[in-house]
């Protein structure tokens, strides 16, 4: 455990040194957030509410979604691709630490740094330029926090499983970008699922992606009753368990393959 904590601490320090990337991410997220806010303001101009959500709640949704996008940044796919591409994956796996444990610790360290570097600035900018994103019911804060933690784990597991494609194709740069934007679209981060046609919304609700963004965001803005949120979190937990089992199975398979064939 100490080894992983050291890796986490080192990653925090390393992340703090890349100021250009930090400013670039803040600018990009701010542009997306403000553009989305104007879009939803225009959509709600002559309507009191859509899908049971009013304009003020939708603006809060956009700001918190932008903040969550910072927490849900992963680098595990790129790290796997680099290790496979350099041919060092076999030697990396022979080190006295679990390779995916190292990647997980690095991503946790990056996220902790980004909370202060990106998330807080986005909150301040959103509060000043759009509105203060007040939670609908502060009593739901524990549910929101737990849901966000589970959404991070689900997102990371999907990223790690996706990254394992590199063991087959080596280069997955383009696929990583496609996956990133596809998840944002299918998870309700950009457009909430309740705006989709009923049939499409039903299909998307059966996938794990809505439990990455839309569930915690719905809890935050008070969309639905608490019983619905708890039921959603139970499904979210089941997805987390299923993806964890699949991840360990896939990890064992790729490890065996690398150890037999070499990196």
Protein backbone atom coordinates (compact mmCIF):
# COMPACT_ATOMS: atom_id res chain seq x y z
CA UNK A 1 0.00 0.00 0.00
CA UNK A 2 2.86 2.39 0.82
CA UNK A 3 4.25 1.92 -2.69
CA UNK A 4 0.97 2.97 -4.27
CA UNK A 5 0.64 5.95 -1.91
CA UNK A 6 4.14 7.04 -2.94
CA UNK A 7 3.15 6.76 -6.62
CA UNK A 8 0.00 8.77 -5.89
CA UNK A 9 1.98 11.50 -4.10
CA UNK A 10 4.55 11.64 -6.90
CA UNK A 11 1.79 11.99 -9.50
CA UNK A 12 0.24 14.90 -7.58
CA UNK A 13 3.59 16.70 -7.60
CA UNK A 14 4.12 15.97 -11.30
CA UNK A 15 0.62 17.15 -12.19
CA UNK A 16 1.21 20.45 -10.40
CA UNK A 17 4.13 21.26 -12.73
CA UNK A 18 2.19 21.27 -16.01
CA UNK A 19 0.73 24.78 -15.84
CA UNK A 20 0.12 25.09 -19.60
CA UNK A 21 -2.06 21.97 -19.64
CA UNK A 22 -3.95 23.26 -16.61
CA UNK A 23 -4.76 26.62 -18.20
CA UNK A 24 -5.64 24.95 -21.49
CA UNK A 25 -8.09 22.59 -19.77
CA UNK A 26 -9.71 25.43 -17.81
CA UNK A 27 -10.18 27.51 -20.97
CA UNK A 28 -11.60 24.56 -22.91
CA UNK A 29 -14.03 23.55 -20.15
CA UNK A 30 -15.09 27.18 -19.68
CA UNK A 31 -15.88 27.55 -23.38
CA UNK A 32 -17.91 24.32 -23.38
CA UNK A 33 -19.71 25.30 -20.16
CA UNK A 34 -20.66 28.82 -21.31
CA UNK A 35 -21.68 27.64 -24.79
CA UNK A 36 -23.89 24.95 -23.22
CA UNK A 37 -25.41 27.51 -20.84
CA UNK A 38 -26.42 29.80 -23.71
CA UNK A 39 -27.84 26.82 -25.60
CA UNK A 40 -30.04 25.76 -22.68
CA UNK A 41 -31.10 29.34 -21.96
CA UNK A 42 -32.28 29.65 -25.56
CA UNK A 43 -34.07 26.29 -25.38
CA UNK A 44 -35.87 27.22 -22.16
CA UNK A 45 -36.71 30.76 -23.27
CA UNK A 46 -40.44 30.16 -23.72
CA UNK A 47 -40.79 27.09 -21.49
CA UNK A 48 -41.07 26.77 -17.74
CA UNK A 49 -39.64 23.28 -17.55
CA UNK A 50 -38.68 20.38 -19.79
CA UNK A 51 -38.70 16.80 -18.53
CA UNK A 52 -39.51 18.05 -15.05
CA UNK A 53 -36.39 20.24 -14.93
CA UNK A 54 -36.50 24.05 -15.03
CA UNK A 55 -33.92 26.38 -16.59
CA UNK A 56 -32.13 27.16 -13.31
CA UNK A 57 -31.67 23.47 -12.53
CA UNK A 58 -30.40 22.85 -16.06
CA UNK A 59 -27.76 25.58 -15.67
CA UNK A 60 -26.67 23.97 -12.40
CA UNK A 61 -26.53 20.64 -14.24
CA UNK A 62 -24.16 22.13 -16.85
CA UNK A 63 -21.78 23.64 -14.29
CA UNK A 64 -21.57 20.50 -12.14
CA UNK A 65 -21.17 18.37 -15.29
CA UNK A 66 -18.17 20.50 -16.28
CA UNK A 67 -16.71 20.03 -12.81
CA UNK A 68 -17.29 16.27 -12.89
CA UNK A 69 -15.55 16.02 -16.25
CA UNK A 70 -12.37 17.05 -14.42
CA UNK A 71 -12.76 14.22 -11.90
CA UNK A 72 -13.42 11.72 -14.66
CA UNK A 73 -10.21 12.27 -16.59
CA UNK A 74 -8.26 9.02 -17.00
CA UNK A 75 -4.83 8.30 -18.40
CA UNK A 76 -4.79 4.53 -17.95
CA UNK A 77 -5.52 3.83 -21.65
CA UNK A 78 -2.58 5.98 -22.76
CA UNK A 79 -0.26 4.43 -20.16
CA UNK A 80 -1.14 0.92 -21.37
CA UNK A 81 -0.61 1.95 -24.98
CA UNK A 82 2.79 3.50 -24.18
CA UNK A 83 3.93 0.44 -22.24
CA UNK A 84 2.87 -1.93 -25.02
CA UNK A 85 4.27 0.32 -27.75
CA UNK A 86 7.67 0.60 -26.08
CA UNK A 87 7.76 -3.14 -25.47
CA UNK A 88 8.29 -2.66 -21.73
CA UNK A 89 4.99 -4.13 -20.57
CA UNK A 90 6.51 -7.54 -19.68
CA UNK A 91 9.24 -6.03 -17.50
CA UNK A 92 6.70 -3.62 -15.98
CA UNK A 93 4.52 -6.57 -14.99
CA UNK A 94 7.45 -8.29 -13.28
CA UNK A 95 7.98 -5.38 -10.90
CA UNK A 96 6.89 -5.87 -7.25
CA UNK A 97 3.74 -3.80 -7.81
CA UNK A 98 0.58 -4.50 -9.78
CA UNK A 99 0.84 -2.63 -13.08
CA UNK A 100 -2.81 -1.61 -13.09
CA UNK A 101 -2.50 -0.63 -9.44
CA UNK A 102 0.24 1.78 -10.53
CA UNK A 103 -1.98 3.23 -13.26
CA UNK A 104 -4.88 3.57 -10.81
CA UNK A 105 -2.69 5.36 -8.26
CA UNK A 106 -1.40 7.72 -10.96
CA UNK A 107 -4.93 8.59 -12.05
CA UNK A 108 -6.02 9.19 -8.45
CA UNK A 109 -3.03 11.50 -7.97
CA UNK A 110 -3.86 13.41 -11.15
CA UNK A 111 -7.49 13.83 -10.08
CA UNK A 112 -6.54 15.10 -6.61
CA UNK A 113 -4.30 17.71 -8.23
CA UNK A 114 -6.99 18.65 -10.76
CA UNK A 115 -9.52 19.31 -8.00
CA UNK A 116 -7.50 22.38 -7.04
CA UNK A 117 -6.07 23.20 -10.46
CA UNK A 118 -9.19 22.85 -12.61
CA UNK A 119 -12.31 21.99 -10.64
CA UNK A 120 -12.29 24.96 -8.26
CA UNK A 121 -11.53 27.50 -11.03
CA UNK A 122 -14.38 26.06 -13.13
CA UNK A 123 -16.71 26.35 -10.12
CA UNK A 124 -15.71 29.98 -9.57
CA UNK A 125 -16.01 30.88 -13.27
CA UNK A 126 -19.38 29.14 -13.54
CA UNK A 127 -20.65 30.89 -10.40
CA UNK A 128 -19.57 34.32 -11.66
CA UNK A 129 -20.63 34.03 -15.30
CA UNK A 130 -23.67 31.74 -15.11
CA UNK A 131 -25.01 31.12 -11.59
CA UNK A 132 -24.00 29.64 -8.24
CA UNK A 133 -24.69 25.89 -8.62
CA UNK A 134 -26.54 25.32 -5.36
CA UNK A 135 -27.55 21.74 -4.59
CA UNK A 136 -31.32 21.16 -4.63
CA UNK A 137 -31.34 19.36 -1.27
CA UNK A 138 -28.21 19.37 0.88
CA UNK A 139 -29.51 16.27 2.68
CA UNK A 140 -28.76 14.35 -0.52
CA UNK A 141 -25.07 15.31 -0.36
CA UNK A 142 -23.96 11.88 0.99
CA UNK A 143 -25.79 10.17 -1.89
CA UNK A 144 -24.16 12.54 -4.37
CA UNK A 145 -20.65 11.96 -3.00
CA UNK A 146 -21.03 8.17 -2.98
CA UNK A 147 -22.48 8.25 -6.48
CA UNK A 148 -19.58 10.38 -7.76
CA UNK A 149 -17.03 7.99 -6.23
CA UNK A 150 -18.74 5.02 -7.87
CA UNK A 151 -18.99 6.89 -11.18
CA UNK A 152 -15.23 7.52 -11.06
CA UNK A 153 -14.56 3.82 -10.49
CA UNK A 154 -16.95 2.75 -13.27
CA UNK A 155 -15.36 5.23 -15.67
CA UNK A 156 -11.85 4.09 -14.71
CA UNK A 157 -12.70 0.40 -15.14
CA UNK A 158 -14.20 1.08 -18.58
CA UNK A 159 -11.06 3.04 -19.51
CA UNK A 160 -8.76 0.25 -18.26
CA UNK A 161 -10.72 -2.42 -20.13
CA UNK A 162 -10.69 -0.25 -23.23
CA UNK A 163 -6.95 0.27 -22.84
CA UNK A 164 -6.40 -3.48 -22.98
CA UNK A 165 -7.24 -3.26 -26.69
CA UNK A 166 -3.66 -1.99 -27.02
CA UNK A 167 -2.47 -5.55 -26.37
CA UNK A 168 -4.09 -6.42 -29.71
CA UNK A 169 -3.73 -3.30 -31.86
CA UNK A 170 -0.86 -1.40 -30.12
CA UNK A 171 -2.01 2.08 -31.27
CA UNK A 172 -5.35 3.20 -29.86
CA UNK A 173 -4.93 7.00 -29.91
CA UNK A 174 -7.86 7.64 -32.24
CA UNK A 175 -10.04 5.10 -30.42
CA UNK A 176 -9.35 6.80 -27.08
CA UNK A 177 -10.70 10.10 -28.41
CA UNK A 178 -13.76 8.39 -29.91
CA UNK A 179 -14.44 6.60 -26.62
CA UNK A 180 -14.04 9.81 -24.62
CA UNK A 181 -16.60 11.77 -26.66
CA UNK A 182 -18.95 8.80 -26.99
CA UNK A 183 -19.12 8.37 -23.22
CA UNK A 184 -19.80 12.10 -22.76
CA UNK A 185 -22.70 11.79 -25.22
CA UNK A 186 -24.18 8.52 -23.95
CA UNK A 187 -23.79 9.36 -20.25
CA UNK A 188 -25.99 12.46 -20.23
CA UNK A 189 -23.05 14.76 -19.63
CA UNK A 190 -23.79 16.97 -22.65
CA UNK A 191 -27.49 16.25 -23.23
CA UNK A 192 -29.47 14.60 -20.41
CA UNK A 193 -30.97 11.27 -21.39
CA UNK A 194 -34.49 12.48 -20.62
CA UNK A 195 -34.28 14.69 -23.74
CA UNK A 196 -33.77 11.66 -25.97
CA UNK A 197 -36.70 9.79 -27.60
CA UNK A 198 -38.26 7.28 -25.19
CA UNK A 199 -36.89 4.23 -27.02
CA UNK A 200 -33.35 5.60 -27.17
CA UNK A 201 -33.49 6.73 -23.54
CA UNK A 202 -34.60 3.24 -22.48
CA UNK A 203 -31.66 1.63 -24.28
CA UNK A 204 -29.15 4.13 -22.87
CA UNK A 205 -30.55 3.64 -19.36
CA UNK A 206 -29.68 -0.06 -19.58
CA UNK A 207 -25.99 0.76 -20.17
CA UNK A 208 -23.42 1.72 -17.51
CA UNK A 209 -22.68 5.14 -19.02
CA UNK A 210 -25.68 6.97 -17.49
CA UNK A 211 -24.32 6.02 -14.05
CA UNK A 212 -21.12 7.95 -14.76
CA UNK A 213 -22.65 11.40 -15.22
CA UNK A 214 -26.42 11.52 -15.24
CA UNK A 215 -27.13 9.74 -11.95
CA UNK A 216 -24.94 11.97 -9.73
CA UNK A 217 -26.08 15.06 -11.66
CA UNK A 218 -29.74 14.09 -11.21
CA UNK A 219 -29.15 13.69 -7.48
CA UNK A 220 -27.49 17.12 -7.32
CA UNK A 221 -30.29 19.02 -9.08
CA UNK A 222 -33.04 17.02 -7.38
CA UNK A 223 -34.38 15.35 -10.54
CA UNK A 224 -36.64 12.60 -9.22
CA UNK A 225 -37.40 11.38 -5.71
CA UNK A 226 -34.82 10.13 -3.23
CA UNK A 227 -36.16 6.58 -3.60
CA UNK A 228 -35.40 6.80 -7.34
CA UNK A 229 -31.88 8.00 -6.60
CA UNK A 230 -31.25 5.14 -4.18
CA UNK A 231 -32.61 2.63 -6.71
CA UNK A 232 -30.32 4.14 -9.34
CA UNK A 233 -27.35 3.86 -7.00
CA UNK A 234 -28.11 0.20 -6.41
CA UNK A 235 -27.94 -0.41 -10.16
CA UNK A 236 -24.79 1.72 -10.29
CA UNK A 237 -23.21 -0.51 -7.64
CA UNK A 238 -24.17 -3.65 -9.58
CA UNK A 239 -22.46 -2.22 -12.67
CA UNK A 240 -19.41 -1.46 -10.56
CA UNK A 241 -19.27 -5.05 -9.29
CA UNK A 242 -19.80 -6.50 -12.79
CA UNK A 243 -17.10 -4.31 -14.34
CA UNK A 244 -14.70 -5.10 -11.48
CA UNK A 245 -15.14 -8.84 -12.01
CA UNK A 246 -14.69 -8.46 -15.76
CA UNK A 247 -11.63 -6.25 -15.22
CA UNK A 248 -9.84 -8.78 -13.01
CA UNK A 249 -10.68 -11.56 -15.47
CA UNK A 250 -9.34 -9.52 -18.41
CA UNK A 251 -6.27 -8.44 -16.41
CA UNK A 252 -5.45 -12.07 -15.65
CA UNK A 253 -5.80 -13.02 -19.32
CA UNK A 254 -3.57 -10.23 -20.68
CA UNK A 255 -0.99 -10.82 -17.94
CA UNK A 256 -0.79 -14.52 -18.82
CA UNK A 257 -0.48 -13.66 -22.50
CA UNK A 258 2.32 -11.14 -21.90
CA UNK A 259 4.21 -13.47 -19.57
CA UNK A 260 4.07 -16.26 -22.16
CA UNK A 261 4.74 -14.21 -25.29
CA UNK A 262 6.75 -11.35 -23.80
CA UNK A 263 6.17 -7.58 -24.18
